[in-house]
Amino acid sequence: MKKNKIALQIFAFALIISSFIACDKDFSTLDSDIINDDIATNFDIENDIYDVITYTETLGPVQTNGIGFNTLGIYDDAYGRVTSSFVAQPTLSTFDPEFGEEIVVDSVVLTLPYQFTVTAIDDDGNITYDIDSVIGREPIKLSIFESNYFIRDFDPNDNFGASQPYFSNKSASETETISDAALEGQELVVIPNPTEVNHVTLDDEGNVTINEEGFILLGEEPEGEDEEQLVTRQSPGIRLKLETTYWENKILSQEGETVLSSANNFSEYFRGLYFKAEANNMDNGSFLFLNTTAAASNVTIYYSRLTTSTTDDDDTRENVSFVINLNGNDINFLENAFTLPINDGDPDTGDSRLYLKGGEGSIANIKLFNGDDIDIENDNTFDDWKNTFVETTSDGKFVRSKRLVNEANLVFYVDQSILQGGEPDRIYLYDVDNKVPLVDYFLDGVNNSLPLSSISNHLGPLQRVNDEPDGNGIKYKLKITEHINNLLIRDSTNVKLGLAVSLNVNIEGSGIQRQVQSMEDTDFTVPISSVLTPRGTVLHGNNTEDESKKVYLEIYYTEPND
């Protein structure tokens, strides 16, 4: 699978280029056949509705290491509760550090930034943030431990020739689990400091609160001034003060030792920090998306040391800091407590409902035109449909178009009788067999600053009642025009399609997916953006009792007016 990754990306790019060339040729061929020299409007635009087979597929544990983001917290919806925790491997900012003489530690600060967008800055420098990486605004209980579990780079079961996958159920494989005892080593003490509300994210009971405004870090009051001196501003996230003795012993006292001399030595010595989330006493919480690979994600030790002035022999002190990054190997752990069971659907006849759930949840599979292996007497088969649109040779090669496809859409309706709100704004459609987006994905516009509106022509966002951001969801319309054209005129295979909830559709452009732990299918993978999100939805399938909400494929086309 890994060896084919580059080839698949090259294939996708080649497919895009060929689609432009082929489209131009096919359009001109059809125009010459259907447009009369005297009357340039000798054609009709029609549309037809086609049945599809859709069914749910449940997921086992999903691969959650090395994504670059980590999730933390509690999420509740119609499916039940998801609790997310993670372990991150610290890395040194400098090897063989020299900390100095007569060290006095002032404080140790842990920072975990959110994902955010700056929306405004006023004349006083105050910043307004749009926090799009936090679901909910209730505090969560957070415990931090030194982890004793060593996170490997490579898989010993593959002769160390491949990266080691780690999974959401605290395991490295079906036979190798990660125990709580290994993760929960020494617990780090968080210093309660509720009076410094602009410095830390703790409430009076020690729960981590949600910071939306960022932090204003103030220094000592300047001599002769009445106001504190503004030092710096820090973006929203988790910011906690930690008890200092542990870090003095773990880091500063090891100056000159081999444990601080290289990445390998340090990763063996300091194996990880385990961030364990739990519900607080109110039995609710929030779900956070944390950018642990960012430079601002770190533990910083602030201390003073002895220094000698260059102007006289008097000893003076200077304030310095040492940074321990959190950008090493990491693993997310997801604990599901589902109250709405998810079962595998029927791949032959399809389901009445499609259950989509992120993380260790479920996806849906889609067979257009009932797939390829259907009784030929059924007039809804792939070959019968294709013959109404194009003329082919005896071996199935494209000759000419009979109809020109203008637009093709897959339409899915939300079942609000089951949901309790919170459904995802985006779902992601992909080629299951080749593990890549459809060609329409690459022909759409990408908006990296606003992922919610990115690739919106192909992967239409959820349509809500009255277009209100918190209105009930109505339907998703996914445009697959070029995929349909590929089936017709480029002799593409009618592959099975996958459908998953998505945190951010932009990150699927690489075509790199994550493994699903399965004894039966070792090549089973799912989209990264589905692994990251806890959200879920329920859609009407092809066997729904409500015909007005039945999933369908709609094709608009042009054909000659005989």
Protein backbone atom coordinates (compact mmCIF):
# COMPACT_ATOMS: atom_id res chain seq x y z
CA MET A 1 0.00 0.00 0.00
CA LYS A 2 2.78 2.43 0.97
CA LYS A 3 4.74 1.71 -2.22
CA ASN A 4 1.74 2.67 -4.32
CA LYS A 5 1.21 6.05 -2.63
CA ILE A 6 3.37 8.09 -5.01
CA ALA A 7 2.06 6.22 -8.03
CA LEU A 8 -1.52 6.97 -7.03
CA GLN A 9 -0.78 10.68 -6.68
CA ILE A 10 0.91 10.76 -10.11
CA PHE A 11 -2.07 8.90 -11.54
CA ALA A 12 -4.48 11.43 -10.03
CA PHE A 13 -2.55 14.34 -11.54
CA ALA A 14 -2.39 12.66 -14.93
CA LEU A 15 -6.11 12.02 -14.75
CA ILE A 16 -6.79 15.71 -14.20
CA ILE A 17 -4.73 16.75 -17.22
CA SER A 18 -6.26 14.08 -19.44
CA SER A 19 -9.76 15.10 -18.36
CA PHE A 20 -9.26 18.61 -19.73
CA ILE A 21 -7.95 17.29 -23.04
CA ALA A 22 -10.63 14.62 -23.40
CA CYS A 23 -13.43 16.98 -22.40
CA ASP A 24 -12.52 19.43 -25.14
CA LYS A 25 -12.46 16.66 -27.74
CA ASP A 26 -15.75 15.11 -26.58
CA PHE A 27 -17.59 18.43 -26.48
CA SER A 28 -16.61 19.23 -30.06
CA THR A 29 -17.55 15.78 -31.30
CA LEU A 30 -20.99 16.02 -29.75
CA ASP A 31 -21.52 19.59 -30.98
CA SER A 32 -20.86 18.56 -34.56
CA ASP A 33 -23.50 15.85 -34.27
CA ILE A 34 -26.32 17.71 -32.54
CA ILE A 35 -26.10 21.35 -33.65
CA ASN A 36 -27.74 22.10 -36.98
CA ASP A 37 -26.00 24.61 -39.28
CA ASP A 38 -29.20 26.61 -39.74
CA ILE A 39 -30.53 26.37 -36.16
CA ALA A 40 -27.87 26.39 -33.47
CA THR A 41 -30.30 25.26 -30.75
CA ASN A 42 -31.26 21.83 -32.03
CA PHE A 43 -30.87 20.06 -28.69
CA ASP A 44 -32.70 19.47 -25.39
CA ILE A 45 -31.43 19.53 -21.81
CA GLU A 46 -32.91 16.71 -19.75
CA ASN A 47 -32.32 15.13 -16.36
CA ASP A 48 -32.79 11.62 -15.05
CA ILE A 49 -32.74 10.11 -11.55
CA TYR A 50 -30.83 6.88 -10.91
CA ASP A 51 -30.91 4.51 -7.96
CA VAL A 52 -27.75 3.73 -6.01
CA ILE A 53 -26.94 1.15 -3.36
CA THR A 54 -25.73 2.63 -0.07
CA TYR A 55 -24.84 0.83 3.15
CA THR A 56 -23.05 1.38 6.45
CA GLU A 57 -19.66 -0.12 7.30
CA THR A 58 -18.48 -0.05 10.91
CA LEU A 59 -14.86 0.63 11.76
CA GLY A 60 -12.52 -1.06 14.13
CA PRO A 61 -9.76 0.86 15.87
CA VAL A 62 -8.32 3.52 13.56
CA GLN A 63 -4.71 4.62 13.20
CA THR A 64 -4.19 7.86 15.13
CA ASN A 65 -0.43 8.46 15.30
CA GLY A 66 1.57 10.94 13.27
CA ILE A 67 -1.37 13.05 12.08
CA GLY A 68 0.06 16.36 13.30
CA PHE A 69 -3.01 17.25 15.35
CA ASN A 70 -4.31 15.81 18.58
CA THR A 71 -7.79 15.89 20.06
CA LEU A 72 -8.62 16.15 23.72
CA GLY A 73 -11.86 16.18 25.68
CA ILE A 74 -15.45 15.01 25.76
CA TYR A 75 -18.01 14.96 22.95
CA ASP A 76 -21.67 13.92 23.23
CA ASP A 77 -24.19 13.48 20.43
CA ALA A 78 -26.98 11.10 19.39
CA TYR A 79 -24.45 8.25 19.16
CA GLY A 80 -23.30 8.65 22.76
CA ARG A 81 -20.01 9.84 24.23
CA VAL A 82 -16.47 9.99 22.84
CA THR A 83 -13.59 10.70 25.21
CA SER A 84 -10.27 11.65 23.64
CA SER A 85 -6.84 11.61 25.30
CA PHE A 86 -3.34 11.56 23.83
CA VAL A 87 0.32 10.89 24.54
CA ALA A 88 3.04 13.09 23.04
CA GLN A 89 6.79 12.52 22.97
CA PRO A 90 8.80 15.60 24.08
CA THR A 91 11.83 16.77 22.11
CA LEU A 92 14.69 19.03 23.16
CA SER A 93 15.08 22.45 21.56
CA THR A 94 18.86 22.17 22.13
CA PHE A 95 21.09 19.14 22.71
CA ASP A 96 23.78 19.19 25.40
CA PRO A 97 22.36 22.38 26.92
CA GLU A 98 24.33 24.42 29.41
CA PHE A 99 21.91 25.80 31.95
CA GLY A 100 24.36 27.88 34.00
CA GLU A 101 25.37 28.32 37.60
CA GLU A 102 23.24 28.72 40.73
CA ILE A 103 19.96 28.07 38.93
CA VAL A 104 16.73 29.25 40.51
CA VAL A 105 13.55 28.09 38.75
CA ASP A 106 10.78 30.66 38.63
CA SER A 107 8.02 28.70 36.87
CA VAL A 108 7.22 25.96 34.38
CA VAL A 109 4.46 26.61 31.83
CA LEU A 110 2.71 24.12 29.54
CA THR A 111 1.12 25.56 26.40
CA LEU A 112 -1.15 23.72 23.94
CA PRO A 113 -2.53 26.10 21.26
CA TYR A 114 -5.89 25.79 19.55
CA GLN A 115 -6.50 26.20 15.85
CA PHE A 116 -7.80 29.74 15.30
CA THR A 117 -8.26 32.63 12.89
CA VAL A 118 -7.57 36.27 13.73
CA THR A 119 -10.67 38.27 12.75
CA ALA A 120 -9.85 41.76 14.10
CA ILE A 121 -7.18 43.85 15.87
CA ASP A 122 -8.21 47.13 17.52
CA ASP A 123 -6.15 50.30 18.04
CA ASP A 124 -4.94 49.06 21.44
CA GLY A 125 -3.64 45.84 19.96
CA ASN A 126 -6.43 43.69 21.35
CA ILE A 127 -7.02 40.68 19.11
CA THR A 128 -10.32 39.00 18.31
CA TYR A 129 -10.06 35.30 17.47
CA ASP A 130 -12.40 32.91 15.73
CA ILE A 131 -11.94 29.59 17.51
CA ASP A 132 -12.98 26.93 15.02
CA SER A 133 -11.22 24.08 16.79
CA VAL A 134 -13.28 23.77 19.96
CA ILE A 135 -16.64 22.01 20.21
CA GLY A 136 -18.45 23.09 23.34
CA ARG A 137 -17.40 25.62 25.96
CA GLU A 138 -17.59 23.65 29.22
CA PRO A 139 -14.53 22.84 31.39
CA ILE A 140 -12.88 19.41 31.24
CA LYS A 141 -10.95 17.47 33.83
CA LEU A 142 -7.35 17.00 32.68
CA SER A 143 -4.66 14.87 34.28
CA ILE A 144 -1.06 14.90 33.02
CA PHE A 145 1.31 11.96 33.54
CA GLU A 146 4.84 11.09 32.58
CA SER A 147 4.35 8.14 30.25
CA ASN A 148 6.61 5.11 30.53
CA TYR A 149 5.54 3.68 27.16
CA PHE A 150 8.14 3.97 24.39
CA ILE A 151 6.60 5.07 21.06
CA ARG A 152 8.50 3.32 18.28
CA ASP A 153 9.32 4.87 14.91
CA PHE A 154 9.30 1.58 12.98
CA ASP A 155 7.31 -1.64 13.04
CA PRO A 156 9.30 -4.67 14.28
CA ASN A 157 6.73 -6.99 12.70
CA ASP A 158 7.74 -5.59 9.29
CA ASN A 159 11.48 -5.97 9.89
CA PHE A 160 11.57 -2.28 10.86
CA GLY A 161 11.01 -1.39 7.21
CA ALA A 162 7.73 0.46 7.73
CA SER A 163 6.47 3.07 10.14
CA GLN A 164 4.79 1.77 13.28
CA PRO A 165 1.03 2.33 13.29
CA TYR A 166 -0.71 3.01 16.58
CA PHE A 167 -4.45 2.81 17.05
CA SER A 168 -7.27 4.58 18.84
CA ASN A 169 -7.91 1.67 21.27
CA LYS A 170 -4.45 1.96 22.90
CA SER A 171 -2.74 -0.66 20.77
CA ALA A 172 0.01 -1.14 18.21
CA SER A 173 -1.66 -4.23 16.71
CA GLU A 174 -4.32 -6.82 17.47
CA THR A 175 -1.88 -8.50 19.85
CA GLU A 176 0.05 -5.57 21.37
CA THR A 177 -1.85 -3.28 23.71
CA ILE A 178 -0.72 -0.21 25.64
CA SER A 179 -1.64 -0.50 29.30
CA ASP A 180 -2.93 2.33 31.45
CA ALA A 181 -0.17 1.49 33.91
CA ALA A 182 2.46 2.24 31.24
CA LEU A 183 0.80 5.52 30.28
CA GLU A 184 0.02 6.72 33.78
CA GLY A 185 3.43 7.02 35.37
CA GLN A 186 4.22 9.86 37.71
CA GLU A 187 1.40 12.42 37.75
CA LEU A 188 2.51 15.99 37.20
CA VAL A 189 1.21 18.59 39.60
CA VAL A 190 -0.66 21.53 38.11
CA ILE A 191 -0.45 24.67 40.27
CA PRO A 192 -3.88 26.14 41.03
CA ASN A 193 -3.78 29.83 40.28
CA PRO A 194 -7.33 31.10 39.74
CA THR A 195 -6.39 34.72 40.52
CA GLU A 196 -4.19 34.98 37.44
CA VAL A 197 -7.07 34.62 35.03
CA ASN A 198 -5.02 36.10 32.20
CA HIS A 199 -2.23 33.56 32.74
CA VAL A 200 -3.80 30.13 33.11
CA THR A 201 -6.86 28.11 32.08
CA LEU A 202 -8.04 26.70 35.40
CA ASP A 203 -11.27 27.27 37.28
CA ASP A 204 -11.68 27.21 41.04
CA GLU A 205 -12.09 23.44 41.05
CA GLY A 206 -8.99 22.77 38.98
CA ASN A 207 -10.80 22.01 35.70
CA VAL A 208 -9.38 23.28 32.41
CA THR A 209 -11.53 26.07 31.01
CA ILE A 210 -11.93 27.11 27.38
CA ASN A 211 -9.91 30.19 26.52
CA GLU A 212 -11.20 32.16 23.52
CA GLU A 213 -9.49 35.52 24.01
CA GLY A 214 -5.85 34.50 24.28
CA PHE A 215 -3.50 35.48 27.08
CA ILE A 216 -2.05 38.84 28.07
CA LEU A 217 1.24 38.11 29.85
CA LEU A 218 2.27 40.91 32.21
CA GLY A 219 5.71 41.50 33.66
CA GLU A 220 6.74 43.17 36.88
CA GLU A 221 5.60 46.72 37.52
CA PRO A 222 8.21 49.14 36.14
CA GLU A 223 9.90 51.40 38.72
CA GLY A 224 7.97 54.63 39.11
CA GLU A 225 4.96 53.42 37.14
CA ASP A 226 1.46 52.66 38.38
CA GLU A 227 0.57 50.07 35.77
CA GLU A 228 2.04 46.69 34.97
CA GLN A 229 4.22 46.43 31.92
CA LEU A 230 2.77 44.56 28.97
CA VAL A 231 5.17 41.82 27.99
CA THR A 232 3.48 39.80 25.26
CA ARG A 233 0.24 38.33 23.99
CA GLN A 234 -0.33 34.64 23.45
CA SER A 235 -2.95 33.01 21.24
CA PRO A 236 -5.87 30.95 22.66
CA GLY A 237 -5.24 27.49 23.97
CA ILE A 238 -4.46 25.59 27.15
CA ARG A 239 -1.90 27.27 29.40
CA LEU A 240 -1.03 25.64 32.71
CA LYS A 241 1.60 26.27 35.40
CA LEU A 242 3.31 23.08 36.55
CA GLU A 243 5.07 22.32 39.82
CA THR A 244 8.78 22.99 39.29
CA THR A 245 10.60 20.28 41.27
CA TYR A 246 9.81 17.54 38.76
CA TRP A 247 11.27 19.58 35.88
CA GLU A 248 14.37 20.59 37.85
CA ASN A 249 15.11 16.92 38.45
CA LYS A 250 14.05 15.65 35.06
CA ILE A 251 15.79 18.26 32.90
CA LEU A 252 17.98 20.87 34.60
CA SER A 253 19.85 18.48 36.89
CA GLN A 254 20.79 16.31 33.89
CA GLU A 255 23.19 18.87 32.42
CA GLY A 256 26.21 17.08 30.97
CA GLU A 257 24.49 13.67 31.02
CA THR A 258 24.07 11.55 27.87
CA VAL A 259 20.26 11.62 28.20
CA LEU A 260 20.31 15.20 26.88
CA SER A 261 22.93 14.59 24.19
CA SER A 262 20.80 13.27 21.30
CA ALA A 263 17.26 12.71 20.10
CA ASN A 264 17.48 8.94 20.55
CA ASN A 265 18.84 9.17 24.06
CA PHE A 266 16.26 11.72 25.11
CA SER A 267 13.30 9.80 23.64
CA GLU A 268 14.36 6.73 25.62
CA TYR A 269 14.86 8.81 28.77
CA PHE A 270 11.70 10.93 28.51
CA ARG A 271 9.20 8.74 26.70
CA GLY A 272 6.15 10.94 26.72
CA LEU A 273 3.54 13.08 28.42
CA TYR A 274 0.09 11.52 28.67
CA PHE A 275 -2.84 13.96 28.63
CA LYS A 276 -5.88 12.19 30.04
CA ALA A 277 -9.30 13.83 29.67
CA GLU A 278 -12.31 13.02 31.79
CA ALA A 279 -15.73 14.51 32.39
CA ASN A 280 -15.84 16.96 35.28
CA ASN A 281 -18.38 16.88 38.08
CA MET A 282 -20.99 18.44 35.79
CA ASP A 283 -20.70 15.39 33.53
CA ASN A 284 -20.10 17.40 30.39
CA GLY A 285 -17.19 19.07 28.69
CA SER A 286 -15.63 20.24 25.45
CA PHE A 287 -13.72 18.66 22.58
CA LEU A 288 -10.49 20.41 21.56
CA PHE A 289 -8.33 20.19 18.44
CA LEU A 290 -4.72 20.95 19.39
CA ASN A 291 -1.82 21.74 17.07
CA THR A 292 0.88 19.86 18.97
CA THR A 293 3.40 20.22 16.13
CA ALA A 294 3.35 24.03 16.38
CA ALA A 295 6.35 25.79 17.92
CA ALA A 296 4.04 27.29 20.54
CA SER A 297 3.12 23.79 21.77
CA ASN A 298 5.72 23.20 24.47
CA VAL A 299 6.81 23.14 28.08
CA THR A 300 8.92 26.18 28.96
CA ILE A 301 11.10 26.30 32.06
CA TYR A 302 11.67 29.88 33.24
CA TYR A 303 14.66 30.35 35.56
CA SER A 304 17.45 32.70 36.54
CA ARG A 305 21.16 31.96 36.67
CA LEU A 306 24.36 33.54 37.79
CA THR A 307 26.24 35.61 35.28
CA THR A 308 29.32 37.84 35.54
CA SER A 309 29.08 41.44 34.46
CA THR A 310 31.54 42.58 31.79
CA THR A 311 32.07 45.92 33.54
CA ASP A 312 33.03 44.77 37.04
CA ASP A 313 33.53 41.66 39.11
CA ASP A 314 30.14 41.74 40.81
CA ASP A 315 27.96 38.71 40.26
CA THR A 316 24.63 39.43 38.62
CA ARG A 317 21.69 37.28 37.61
CA GLU A 318 19.86 36.97 34.31
CA ASN A 319 16.43 35.56 33.47
CA VAL A 320 16.42 32.83 30.81
CA SER A 321 14.23 29.97 29.65
CA PHE A 322 14.56 26.50 28.21
CA VAL A 323 11.95 25.02 25.83
CA ILE A 324 10.89 21.37 25.55
CA ASN A 325 8.79 20.86 22.43
CA LEU A 326 5.91 18.40 22.12
CA ASN A 327 6.39 17.63 18.42
CA GLY A 328 7.72 14.09 18.68
CA ASN A 329 5.76 10.89 18.11
CA ASP A 330 2.19 11.04 19.35
CA ILE A 331 -0.92 8.86 19.60
CA ASN A 332 -4.56 9.77 20.12
CA PHE A 333 -6.80 7.45 22.13
CA LEU A 334 -10.58 7.37 21.66
CA GLU A 335 -12.96 5.78 24.12
CA ASN A 336 -16.49 5.24 22.75
CA ALA A 337 -19.51 4.86 24.99
CA PHE A 338 -22.15 4.54 22.29
CA THR A 339 -25.84 4.45 23.14
CA LEU A 340 -26.86 4.29 19.47
CA PRO A 341 -25.50 0.99 18.12
CA ILE A 342 -23.82 0.98 14.70
CA ASN A 343 -24.09 -2.22 12.68
CA ASP A 344 -22.75 -3.27 9.31
CA GLY A 345 -25.25 -2.78 6.52
CA ASP A 346 -26.33 -4.92 3.57
CA PRO A 347 -23.92 -4.55 0.61
CA ASP A 348 -26.32 -6.33 -1.76
CA THR A 349 -29.57 -4.43 -1.26
CA GLY A 350 -28.46 -1.38 0.72
CA ASP A 351 -29.77 0.17 3.95
CA SER A 352 -32.64 2.35 5.02
CA ARG A 353 -30.25 4.59 7.00
CA LEU A 354 -26.58 5.44 6.67
CA TYR A 355 -24.75 5.90 9.96
CA LEU A 356 -21.67 8.10 9.64
CA LYS A 357 -19.50 8.66 12.69
CA GLY A 358 -15.98 10.06 12.93
CA GLY A 359 -13.04 8.53 14.77
CA GLU A 360 -13.53 4.87 15.63
CA GLY A 361 -17.03 5.01 14.18
CA SER A 362 -18.39 4.19 10.72
CA ILE A 363 -18.45 5.16 7.06
CA ALA A 364 -20.83 4.40 4.18
CA ASN A 365 -20.20 2.65 0.88
CA ILE A 366 -21.89 3.61 -2.38
CA LYS A 367 -22.43 1.56 -5.53
CA LEU A 368 -23.45 3.65 -8.52
CA PHE A 369 -25.78 1.87 -10.96
CA ASN A 370 -25.91 -1.07 -8.53
CA GLY A 371 -22.22 -1.80 -9.15
CA ASP A 372 -20.77 -3.88 -11.99
CA ASP A 373 -21.77 -7.40 -11.00
CA ILE A 374 -25.55 -7.26 -11.37
CA ASP A 375 -27.97 -9.36 -13.43
CA ILE A 376 -27.88 -8.00 -17.01
CA GLU A 377 -31.69 -8.06 -17.19
CA ASN A 378 -31.79 -5.22 -14.68
CA ASP A 379 -32.12 -2.03 -16.74
CA ASN A 380 -30.32 -0.05 -14.04
CA THR A 381 -26.96 -1.75 -14.53
CA PHE A 382 -23.81 0.16 -15.31
CA ASP A 383 -23.49 -1.17 -18.86
CA ASP A 384 -27.11 -0.42 -19.74
CA TRP A 385 -26.78 3.11 -18.43
CA LYS A 386 -23.51 3.65 -20.29
CA ASN A 387 -25.02 2.51 -23.59
CA THR A 388 -27.65 5.25 -23.42
CA PHE A 389 -24.96 7.92 -23.19
CA VAL A 390 -22.11 6.76 -25.42
CA GLU A 391 -21.33 4.50 -28.35
CA THR A 392 -18.53 2.01 -27.74
CA THR A 393 -16.62 -0.68 -29.60
CA SER A 394 -17.22 -4.37 -29.00
CA ASP A 395 -14.55 -4.35 -26.29
CA GLY A 396 -16.08 -1.34 -24.54
CA LYS A 397 -13.83 1.45 -25.86
CA PHE A 398 -15.36 4.91 -26.30
CA VAL A 399 -16.32 5.93 -29.88
CA ARG A 400 -18.68 8.91 -29.60
CA SER A 401 -21.13 10.59 -27.24
CA LYS A 402 -24.88 10.22 -27.65
CA ARG A 403 -25.57 12.51 -24.71
CA LEU A 404 -23.40 15.17 -23.12
CA VAL A 405 -23.34 15.16 -19.31
CA ASN A 406 -23.71 18.73 -18.02
CA GLU A 407 -23.91 17.97 -14.30
CA ALA A 408 -24.18 14.97 -11.99
CA ASN A 409 -25.03 15.08 -8.30
CA LEU A 410 -25.33 12.61 -5.46
CA VAL A 411 -27.96 13.86 -2.99
CA PHE A 412 -28.23 12.68 0.62
CA TYR A 413 -30.97 13.74 3.06
CA VAL A 414 -30.39 14.03 6.81
CA ASP A 415 -32.66 12.07 9.16
CA GLN A 416 -33.42 14.62 11.86
CA SER A 417 -35.71 12.19 13.70
CA ILE A 418 -32.58 10.45 15.03
CA LEU A 419 -30.10 13.31 15.35
CA GLN A 420 -29.97 15.78 18.20
CA GLY A 421 -28.11 18.46 16.28
CA GLY A 422 -24.36 18.88 15.93
CA GLU A 423 -24.14 17.13 12.56
CA PRO A 424 -21.03 17.93 10.49
CA ASP A 425 -21.07 20.71 7.91
CA ARG A 426 -18.96 18.61 5.54
CA ILE A 427 -18.86 15.02 4.38
CA TYR A 428 -16.18 13.57 2.11
CA LEU A 429 -16.67 11.33 -0.94
CA TYR A 430 -13.77 9.21 -2.21
CA ASP A 431 -12.64 6.26 -4.33
CA VAL A 432 -12.50 3.29 -1.93
CA ASP A 433 -10.51 0.99 -4.21
CA ASN A 434 -7.71 3.46 -4.97
CA LYS A 435 -7.94 5.41 -1.69
CA VAL A 436 -7.96 8.81 -3.41
CA PRO A 437 -10.41 11.69 -3.91
CA LEU A 438 -12.54 11.74 -7.05
CA VAL A 439 -11.28 13.78 -9.99
CA ASP A 440 -13.89 16.47 -9.20
CA TYR A 441 -12.01 17.18 -5.97
CA PHE A 442 -8.91 18.34 -7.85
CA LEU A 443 -10.91 20.52 -10.26
CA ASP A 444 -12.53 22.52 -7.45
CA GLY A 445 -11.28 25.60 -5.64
CA VAL A 446 -9.30 25.23 -2.42
CA ASN A 447 -9.59 27.77 0.40
CA ASN A 448 -6.96 27.07 3.04
CA SER A 449 -7.94 29.97 5.28
CA LEU A 450 -11.63 28.96 5.36
CA PRO A 451 -11.83 25.16 5.02
CA LEU A 452 -15.59 25.24 5.59
CA SER A 453 -16.05 26.89 2.19
CA SER A 454 -13.27 24.98 0.43
CA ILE A 455 -13.98 22.52 -2.42
CA SER A 456 -17.64 23.44 -1.99
CA ASN A 457 -18.66 22.87 -5.61
CA HIS A 458 -17.80 19.16 -5.45
CA LEU A 459 -18.40 18.54 -1.74
CA GLY A 460 -21.38 20.78 -1.08
CA PRO A 461 -21.68 21.87 2.59
CA LEU A 462 -24.71 20.83 4.59
CA GLN A 463 -27.82 22.79 3.62
CA ARG A 464 -29.60 23.91 6.78
CA VAL A 465 -33.07 25.23 7.51
CA ASN A 466 -33.22 28.95 6.60
CA ASP A 467 -29.45 28.80 6.00
CA GLU A 468 -28.93 29.38 9.71
CA PRO A 469 -25.56 28.18 11.09
CA ASP A 470 -27.36 26.25 13.85
CA GLY A 471 -30.41 25.26 11.80
CA ASN A 472 -31.37 21.62 11.36
CA GLY A 473 -29.58 19.90 8.53
CA ILE A 474 -31.55 19.17 5.36
CA LYS A 475 -29.27 17.60 2.75
CA TYR A 476 -25.84 17.34 1.18
CA LYS A 477 -25.38 17.65 -2.59
CA LEU A 478 -22.10 16.25 -3.92
CA LYS A 479 -21.25 17.11 -7.52
CA ILE A 480 -19.50 14.26 -9.38
CA THR A 481 -19.78 15.43 -12.99
CA GLU A 482 -16.22 14.60 -14.03
CA HIS A 483 -16.32 11.24 -12.27
CA ILE A 484 -19.38 10.36 -14.37
CA ASN A 485 -17.66 11.60 -17.53
CA ASN A 486 -14.67 9.42 -16.70
CA LEU A 487 -16.97 6.39 -16.50
CA LEU A 488 -18.48 7.23 -19.87
CA ILE A 489 -15.70 8.43 -22.12
CA ARG A 490 -12.46 7.43 -20.41
CA ASP A 491 -13.35 3.81 -19.73
CA SER A 492 -12.90 4.21 -15.97
CA THR A 493 -13.96 1.43 -13.63
CA ASN A 494 -17.21 1.88 -11.74
CA VAL A 495 -15.43 1.72 -8.40
CA LYS A 496 -17.09 1.57 -5.00
CA LEU A 497 -17.27 4.99 -3.39
CA GLY A 498 -16.82 5.80 0.27
CA LEU A 499 -18.58 8.48 2.31
CA ALA A 500 -17.28 9.81 5.63
CA VAL A 501 -17.76 12.77 7.93
CA SER A 502 -14.94 15.28 7.62
CA LEU A 503 -13.19 17.75 9.89
CA ASN A 504 -11.38 19.50 7.03
CA VAL A 505 -11.73 18.33 3.43
CA ASN A 506 -8.51 20.11 2.42
CA ILE A 507 -6.27 17.57 4.13
CA GLU A 508 -7.52 14.76 1.88
CA GLY A 509 -5.73 16.13 -1.19
CA SER A 510 -2.63 14.03 -0.52
CA GLY A 511 -4.63 10.82 -0.90
CA ILE A 512 -2.96 9.43 2.23
CA GLN A 513 -5.41 7.57 4.46
CA ARG A 514 -5.16 5.90 7.87
CA GLN A 515 -5.28 2.18 8.59
CA VAL A 516 -8.20 0.43 10.22
CA GLN A 517 -7.17 -2.42 12.52
CA SER A 518 -8.71 -5.51 10.95
CA MET A 519 -7.70 -9.17 10.87
CA GLU A 520 -9.84 -9.79 7.77
CA ASP A 521 -8.72 -6.82 5.64
CA THR A 522 -5.22 -5.53 6.36
CA ASP A 523 -5.55 -2.97 3.53
CA PHE A 524 -8.66 -1.29 4.99
CA THR A 525 -8.15 2.47 5.36
CA VAL A 526 -10.25 5.58 6.05
CA PRO A 527 -9.77 9.31 5.36
CA ILE A 528 -7.66 11.31 7.82
CA SER A 529 -10.29 14.02 8.22
CA SER A 530 -12.77 11.37 9.38
CA VAL A 531 -10.36 10.06 12.02
CA LEU A 532 -9.95 13.54 13.50
CA THR A 533 -13.59 14.52 13.99
CA PRO A 534 -15.96 13.16 16.66
CA ARG A 535 -19.06 14.33 14.82
CA GLY A 536 -21.66 12.02 13.32
CA THR A 537 -24.80 12.11 11.23
CA VAL A 538 -27.57 9.82 9.99
CA LEU A 539 -28.63 9.93 6.35
CA HIS A 540 -31.52 8.32 4.50
CA GLY A 541 -30.33 5.38 2.40
CA ASN A 542 -31.70 3.76 -0.73
CA ASN A 543 -34.17 1.59 1.24
CA THR A 544 -35.68 4.36 3.34
CA GLU A 545 -39.45 4.23 3.88
CA ASP A 546 -39.61 7.97 3.04
CA GLU A 547 -39.37 8.09 -0.76
CA SER A 548 -38.98 11.88 -0.71
CA LYS A 549 -35.72 11.51 1.25
CA LYS A 550 -34.25 8.59 -0.67
CA VAL A 551 -30.63 8.97 -1.76
CA TYR A 552 -30.28 9.37 -5.52
CA LEU A 553 -27.96 10.18 -8.40
CA GLU A 554 -29.20 13.02 -10.61
CA ILE A 555 -27.72 13.56 -14.07
CA TYR A 556 -28.40 16.59 -16.29
CA TYR A 557 -27.50 16.01 -19.90
CA THR A 558 -27.82 17.39 -23.41
CA GLU A 559 -28.99 15.25 -26.34
CA PRO A 560 -30.05 15.90 -29.96
CA ASN A 561 -33.65 16.96 -30.57
CA ASP A 562 -34.73 14.42 -33.19
